Amino acid sequence: MKQGKKITSLIALILCAVLAISGLCVETAYAANKKMSLKVGFKGKTVNLIKDINDEYDRYELSVASVQKKWGKPKTKKNGDSTMYTWKKGKTTIEVSDFGAKKDGKSYVGGITINIKDKNGSLWGVKVGMKAETALKKIKKALDTENVVDNTDDIFDSGGVGIVYTKDCISAFTGPYMPAGFGLKNGKVTSIWFSRS
């Protein structure tokens, strides 16, 4: 039974990725009404990992030490000149690396990978188990957009910021990055993911 659920979840994740990537263009321009942040919750404490998601070049906004003050000590793994910091509880994993984000001997949040499959984490206030319509309202507020469509091409026609909403997935397009994904099943959020290299 568990194997079947894992396969179904994997298929839903792959489907969302295919929908998101199918219309992705590297040179897509993005239009933002205001700064969009990346507010991530872990064990009930929220950290703004990116203050302005549209500024893909500013890697010195938040130090890893600041994140540790909120979320506690992470597991660390050295890889050459960079370090990967991992916070994990239950089925929630949040990883940040300081690759390309070191300055004056201090490590900052560079790469980010978010994978949430239980209530230990959140993105923009959206949690696993939340109704899809409630999640959609929170995502629209975070992105400051009413641009909700059911086709990826429509997002790029409107500047690259918006939300693709299908029965299986909500994909939140923020401009320069792959979209944040919210897997859905039976009208509820089952998983949340985001990645920035």
Protein backbone atom coordinates (compact mmCIF):
# COMPACT_ATOMS: atom_id res chain seq x y z
CA MET A 1 0.00 0.00 0.00
CA LYS A 2 2.79 2.45 0.91
CA GLN A 3 4.64 1.60 -2.32
CA GLY A 4 1.53 2.57 -4.32
CA LYS A 5 1.30 5.94 -2.52
CA LYS A 6 4.98 6.63 -3.20
CA ILE A 7 4.53 5.86 -6.90
CA THR A 8 1.42 8.05 -7.11
CA SER A 9 3.25 10.94 -5.38
CA LEU A 10 6.22 10.52 -7.70
CA ILE A 11 3.97 10.57 -10.77
CA ALA A 12 2.25 13.75 -9.52
CA LEU A 13 5.63 15.44 -8.94
CA ILE A 14 6.87 14.45 -12.40
CA LEU A 15 3.63 15.67 -14.00
CA CYS A 16 3.95 19.05 -12.26
CA ALA A 17 7.58 19.35 -13.36
CA VAL A 18 6.67 18.51 -16.96
CA LEU A 19 3.87 21.08 -16.93
CA ALA A 20 6.22 23.70 -15.51
CA ILE A 21 9.15 22.98 -17.81
CA SER A 22 7.15 22.53 -21.01
CA GLY A 23 6.84 26.26 -21.60
CA LEU A 24 9.99 27.42 -19.84
CA CYS A 25 12.19 29.83 -21.75
CA VAL A 26 15.57 30.88 -20.38
CA GLU A 27 15.18 34.45 -21.59
CA THR A 28 11.68 35.00 -20.22
CA ALA A 29 11.21 38.49 -18.93
CA TYR A 30 9.40 38.90 -15.67
CA ALA A 31 7.20 41.66 -14.40
CA ALA A 32 6.83 42.25 -10.70
CA ASN A 33 4.61 44.76 -8.98
CA LYS A 34 6.70 44.64 -5.82
CA LYS A 35 9.42 42.61 -4.16
CA MET A 36 8.46 38.97 -3.74
CA SER A 37 10.10 37.17 -0.85
CA LEU A 38 10.58 33.49 -0.10
CA LYS A 39 9.17 33.00 3.40
CA VAL A 40 9.82 29.46 4.58
CA GLY A 41 8.56 27.94 7.80
CA PHE A 42 10.32 25.12 9.62
CA LYS A 43 9.12 23.68 12.94
CA GLY A 44 6.85 26.70 13.43
CA LYS A 45 9.52 29.38 12.83
CA THR A 46 9.54 31.42 9.62
CA VAL A 47 12.65 32.71 7.87
CA ASN A 48 12.68 34.96 4.82
CA LEU A 49 15.33 33.05 2.81
CA ILE A 50 15.16 35.48 -0.15
CA LYS A 51 14.08 39.09 0.39
CA ASP A 52 13.50 39.78 -3.31
CA ILE A 53 13.08 36.67 -5.40
CA ASN A 54 13.41 38.71 -8.60
CA ASP A 55 16.99 39.71 -7.73
CA GLU A 56 18.70 36.48 -8.75
CA TYR A 57 22.19 37.92 -8.26
CA ASP A 58 22.04 39.13 -4.65
CA ARG A 59 23.42 36.25 -2.57
CA TYR A 60 24.43 38.28 0.50
CA GLU A 61 21.03 39.03 2.04
CA LEU A 62 20.89 36.44 4.80
CA SER A 63 23.71 34.72 6.64
CA VAL A 64 23.54 31.02 7.40
CA ALA A 65 24.20 31.95 11.06
CA SER A 66 20.94 33.96 11.08
CA VAL A 67 19.01 30.94 9.81
CA GLN A 68 20.62 28.76 12.48
CA LYS A 69 19.42 31.15 15.20
CA LYS A 70 15.83 30.49 14.11
CA TRP A 71 15.90 26.85 13.03
CA GLY A 72 18.72 25.42 15.16
CA LYS A 73 21.90 23.67 14.17
CA PRO A 74 21.74 21.89 10.80
CA LYS A 75 23.64 18.89 9.50
CA THR A 76 26.57 20.10 7.45
CA LYS A 77 28.47 18.57 4.55
CA LYS A 78 31.56 20.09 2.94
CA ASN A 79 31.88 19.92 -0.82
CA GLY A 80 35.07 21.58 -2.04
CA ASP A 81 34.88 25.26 -1.15
CA SER A 82 31.20 25.21 -0.22
CA THR A 83 29.10 23.77 2.59
CA MET A 84 25.60 22.29 2.41
CA TYR A 85 23.41 22.98 5.47
CA THR A 86 20.43 20.65 5.97
CA TRP A 87 17.50 21.04 8.34
CA LYS A 88 15.29 17.94 8.48
CA LYS A 89 12.34 16.88 10.56
CA GLY A 90 9.93 14.13 9.59
CA LYS A 91 9.26 14.39 5.85
CA THR A 92 10.45 17.99 5.58
CA THR A 93 13.94 18.84 4.33
CA ILE A 94 15.32 22.31 3.73
CA GLU A 95 18.84 22.63 2.34
CA VAL A 96 20.89 25.74 1.71
CA SER A 97 24.42 26.00 0.43
CA ASP A 98 26.91 28.82 0.59
CA PHE A 99 28.15 28.07 -2.94
CA GLY A 100 28.77 31.43 -4.56
CA ALA A 101 27.64 33.15 -1.36
CA LYS A 102 30.69 33.68 0.84
CA LYS A 103 31.95 37.11 1.73
CA ASP A 104 34.56 38.23 4.25
CA GLY A 105 34.74 34.70 5.69
CA LYS A 106 30.99 34.59 6.31
CA SER A 107 28.56 32.09 4.74
CA TYR A 108 25.31 33.34 3.21
CA VAL A 109 22.28 31.57 1.79
CA GLY A 110 23.11 30.72 -1.83
CA GLY A 111 21.52 27.59 -3.25
CA ILE A 112 18.17 26.53 -1.78
CA THR A 113 16.26 23.25 -2.01
CA ILE A 114 12.92 22.85 -0.25
CA ASN A 115 11.05 19.55 -0.07
CA ILE A 116 8.04 19.49 2.28
CA LYS A 117 5.77 16.47 2.64
CA ASP A 118 4.36 16.98 6.16
CA LYS A 119 3.32 19.77 8.54
CA ASN A 120 6.87 20.50 9.74
CA GLY A 121 7.38 23.06 6.98
CA SER A 122 5.59 25.72 4.97
CA LEU A 123 6.14 28.06 2.04
CA TRP A 124 4.34 31.44 2.05
CA GLY A 125 2.13 30.05 4.85
CA VAL A 126 1.00 27.08 2.74
CA LYS A 127 1.24 23.72 4.52
CA VAL A 128 0.66 20.10 3.60
CA GLY A 129 -2.98 19.18 4.28
CA MET A 130 -4.28 22.69 3.49
CA LYS A 131 -7.21 22.97 1.07
CA ALA A 132 -6.11 23.90 -2.45
CA GLU A 133 -8.32 27.02 -2.57
CA THR A 134 -6.86 28.33 0.71
CA ALA A 135 -3.34 27.61 -0.56
CA LEU A 136 -4.12 29.43 -3.81
CA LYS A 137 -5.21 32.55 -1.89
CA LYS A 138 -1.94 32.55 0.10
CA ILE A 139 0.17 32.06 -3.03
CA LYS A 140 -1.66 34.86 -4.86
CA LYS A 141 -0.99 37.17 -1.90
CA ALA A 142 2.71 36.20 -1.74
CA LEU A 143 3.19 36.80 -5.47
CA ASP A 144 0.93 39.88 -5.45
CA THR A 145 -0.87 38.58 -8.52
CA GLU A 146 -4.32 37.58 -9.68
CA ASN A 147 -2.78 35.94 -12.77
CA VAL A 148 -4.07 32.34 -12.43
CA VAL A 149 -4.23 30.19 -15.55
CA ASP A 150 -4.32 26.51 -16.49
CA ASN A 151 -1.62 26.69 -19.17
CA THR A 152 2.10 27.41 -18.80
CA ASP A 153 2.28 29.34 -22.08
CA ASP A 154 -0.16 31.92 -20.69
CA ILE A 155 2.30 32.71 -17.87
CA PHE A 156 5.07 33.60 -20.29
CA ASP A 157 2.71 35.67 -22.41
CA SER A 158 2.01 37.78 -19.31
CA GLY A 159 5.60 38.40 -18.19
CA GLY A 160 6.61 35.23 -16.34
CA VAL A 161 4.91 35.89 -13.00
CA GLY A 162 1.73 34.04 -12.15
CA ILE A 163 0.18 30.77 -11.13
CA VAL A 164 -0.69 27.68 -13.13
CA TYR A 165 -3.48 25.83 -11.32
CA THR A 166 -4.55 22.31 -12.29
CA LYS A 167 -6.21 19.54 -10.29
CA ASP A 168 -2.81 17.94 -9.65
CA CYS A 169 -0.57 20.93 -9.00
CA ILE A 170 -0.20 24.63 -8.31
CA SER A 171 2.96 26.04 -9.92
CA ALA A 172 3.94 29.51 -8.73
CA PHE A 173 6.11 31.26 -11.33
CA THR A 174 8.23 34.01 -9.79
CA GLY A 175 10.34 35.12 -12.73
CA PRO A 176 13.97 34.00 -12.78
CA TYR A 177 13.65 30.58 -11.09
CA MET A 178 11.88 27.32 -11.69
CA PRO A 179 8.38 27.60 -10.20
CA ALA A 180 7.58 26.70 -6.64
CA GLY A 181 5.41 23.59 -6.80
CA PHE A 182 2.48 22.54 -4.64
CA GLY A 183 1.34 18.96 -5.29
CA LEU A 184 -2.39 18.37 -4.91
CA LYS A 185 -4.55 15.33 -4.31
CA ASN A 186 -8.27 15.31 -3.58
CA GLY A 187 -8.28 19.11 -3.34
CA LYS A 188 -5.54 19.31 -0.69
CA VAL A 189 -1.82 20.13 -0.69
CA THR A 190 0.30 16.96 -0.43
CA SER A 191 3.80 18.33 -1.09
CA ILE A 192 5.72 21.58 -1.58
CA TRP A 193 9.03 22.13 -3.37
CA PHE A 194 11.31 24.93 -4.54
CA SER A 195 14.87 25.08 -5.83
CA ARG A 196 17.44 27.78 -6.56
CA SER A 197 20.99 26.88 -7.55
